[in-house]
Amino acid sequence: MASDPIIDVTKVSDKGQVVIPKEIRDKLNLKVGTKLIVVATDDAVVLQKVELVAGRVRMREILDRIKVVTEKLAFGKP
């Protein structure tokens, strides 16, 4: 069973950088150098950890998960 999402607020710096809140970094085990895929929808930005399996990125699986999450959060609905 998936755990409840963590919701927090951050802001974009003048250099376009965003700080991922510590609680979220800890939950996802994000360390310096962790690679993230950035996906933009009409009104949302989704970050997904890059997962490598046998040297290949599982892009279809990642995109499918992003679609499910954005639909649950009503980002993907008109």
C-alpha atoms as a PDB file:
ATOM      1  CA  MET A   1       0.000   0.000   0.000  1.00  0.00           C
ATOM      2  CA  ALA A   2       1.335   3.437  -0.923  1.00  0.00           C
ATOM      3  CA  SER A   3       1.964   5.866   1.868  1.00  0.00           C
ATOM      4  CA  ASP A   4       0.235   9.220   2.051  1.00  0.00           C
ATOM      5  CA  PRO A   5       1.837  11.940  -0.049  1.00  0.00           C
ATOM      6  CA  ILE A   6       3.840  14.682   1.587  1.00  0.00           C
ATOM      7  CA  ILE A   7       2.675  18.123   0.532  1.00  0.00           C
ATOM      8  CA  ASP A   8       4.906  21.127   1.110  1.00  0.00           C
ATOM      9  CA  VAL A   9       5.599  24.525  -0.451  1.00  0.00           C
ATOM     10  CA  THR A  10       8.794  25.737  -2.102  1.00  0.00           C
ATOM     11  CA  LYS A  11       9.647  28.487  -4.562  1.00  0.00           C
ATOM     12  CA  VAL A  12      11.660  28.962  -7.716  1.00  0.00           C
ATOM     13  CA  SER A  13      14.869  30.983  -7.311  1.00  0.00           C
ATOM     14  CA  ASP A  14      16.026  33.661  -9.737  1.00  0.00           C
ATOM     15  CA  LYS A  15      18.239  30.952 -11.282  1.00  0.00           C
ATOM     16  CA  GLY A  16      15.270  28.629 -11.823  1.00  0.00           C
ATOM     17  CA  GLN A  17      16.280  26.328  -8.974  1.00  0.00           C
ATOM     18  CA  VAL A  18      13.806  24.661  -6.638  1.00  0.00           C
ATOM     19  CA  VAL A  19      14.612  23.288  -3.185  1.00  0.00           C
ATOM     20  CA  ILE A  20      13.021  19.917  -2.467  1.00  0.00           C
ATOM     21  CA  PRO A  21      11.939  20.029   1.195  1.00  0.00           C
ATOM     22  CA  LYS A  22      14.029  17.863   3.566  1.00  0.00           C
ATOM     23  CA  GLU A  23      11.125  15.621   4.601  1.00  0.00           C
ATOM     24  CA  ILE A  24      10.551  14.707   0.959  1.00  0.00           C
ATOM     25  CA  ARG A  25      14.282  14.227   0.268  1.00  0.00           C
ATOM     26  CA  ASP A  26      14.494  11.918   3.268  1.00  0.00           C
ATOM     27  CA  LYS A  27      11.385   9.922   2.306  1.00  0.00           C
ATOM     28  CA  LEU A  28      12.648   9.393  -1.257  1.00  0.00           C
ATOM     29  CA  ASN A  29      16.304   8.981  -0.228  1.00  0.00           C
ATOM     30  CA  LEU A  30      17.368  11.818  -2.543  1.00  0.00           C
ATOM     31  CA  LYS A  31      21.088  12.457  -2.157  1.00  0.00           C
ATOM     32  CA  VAL A  32      23.519  14.811  -3.872  1.00  0.00           C
ATOM     33  CA  GLY A  33      23.825  13.639  -7.458  1.00  0.00           C
ATOM     34  CA  THR A  34      20.492  11.785  -7.581  1.00  0.00           C
ATOM     35  CA  LYS A  35      19.187  12.088 -11.140  1.00  0.00           C
ATOM     36  CA  LEU A  36      15.589  13.168 -11.670  1.00  0.00           C
ATOM     37  CA  ILE A  37      13.395  13.192 -14.750  1.00  0.00           C
ATOM     38  CA  VAL A  38      11.418  16.438 -15.073  1.00  0.00           C
ATOM     39  CA  VAL A  39       8.009  16.192 -16.745  1.00  0.00           C
ATOM     40  CA  ALA A  40       5.783  19.202 -17.411  1.00  0.00           C
ATOM     41  CA  THR A  41       2.032  19.059 -17.871  1.00  0.00           C
ATOM     42  CA  ASP A  42      -0.146  22.082 -18.619  1.00  0.00           C
ATOM     43  CA  ASP A  43      -0.027  23.260 -15.011  1.00  0.00           C
ATOM     44  CA  ALA A  44       2.337  20.967 -13.105  1.00  0.00           C
ATOM     45  CA  VAL A  45       5.940  19.838 -12.902  1.00  0.00           C
ATOM     46  CA  VAL A  46       6.596  16.246 -11.850  1.00  0.00           C
ATOM     47  CA  LEU A  47       9.994  15.015 -10.685  1.00  0.00           C
ATOM     48  CA  GLN A  48      10.720  11.284 -10.855  1.00  0.00           C
ATOM     49  CA  LYS A  49      13.901   9.527  -9.748  1.00  0.00           C
ATOM     50  CA  VAL A  50      15.670   7.918 -12.671  1.00  0.00           C
ATOM     51  CA  GLU A  51      15.677   4.182 -12.162  1.00  0.00           C
ATOM     52  CA  LEU A  52      18.176   2.147 -14.102  1.00  0.00           C
ATOM     53  CA  VAL A  53      17.645  -1.504 -14.851  1.00  0.00           C
ATOM     54  CA  ALA A  54      20.394  -3.261 -16.794  1.00  0.00           C
ATOM     55  CA  GLY A  55      21.622   0.123 -18.010  1.00  0.00           C
ATOM     56  CA  ARG A  56      18.239   1.219 -19.418  1.00  0.00           C
ATOM     57  CA  VAL A  57      15.844   3.801 -18.048  1.00  0.00           C
ATOM     58  CA  ARG A  58      12.329   2.423 -17.576  1.00  0.00           C
ATOM     59  CA  MET A  59      10.729   5.427 -19.269  1.00  0.00           C
ATOM     60  CA  ARG A  60       7.348   3.862 -20.136  1.00  0.00           C
ATOM     61  CA  GLU A  61       6.825   2.729 -16.539  1.00  0.00           C
ATOM     62  CA  ILE A  62       7.862   6.131 -15.209  1.00  0.00           C
ATOM     63  CA  LEU A  63       5.561   7.992 -17.597  1.00  0.00           C
ATOM     64  CA  ASP A  64       2.667   5.663 -16.733  1.00  0.00           C
ATOM     65  CA  ARG A  65       3.189   6.324 -13.009  1.00  0.00           C
ATOM     66  CA  ILE A  66       3.360  10.072 -13.610  1.00  0.00           C
ATOM     67  CA  LYS A  67       0.086   9.913 -15.529  1.00  0.00           C
ATOM     68  CA  VAL A  68      -1.628   8.065 -12.662  1.00  0.00           C
ATOM     69  CA  VAL A  69      -0.344  10.530 -10.060  1.00  0.00           C
ATOM     70  CA  THR A  70      -1.287  13.635 -12.030  1.00  0.00           C
ATOM     71  CA  GLU A  71      -4.761  12.242 -12.691  1.00  0.00           C
ATOM     72  CA  LYS A  72      -5.227  11.491  -8.974  1.00  0.00           C
ATOM     73  CA  LEU A  73      -4.200  15.055  -8.170  1.00  0.00           C
ATOM     74  CA  ALA A  74      -6.593  16.328 -10.882  1.00  0.00           C
ATOM     75  CA  PHE A  75      -3.726  17.831 -12.923  1.00  0.00           C
ATOM     76  CA  GLY A  76      -4.592  15.640 -15.886  1.00  0.00           C
ATOM     77  CA  LYS A  77      -8.321  16.352 -15.844  1.00  0.00           C
ATOM     78  CA  PRO A  78      -9.999  19.191 -17.767  1.00  0.00           C
END
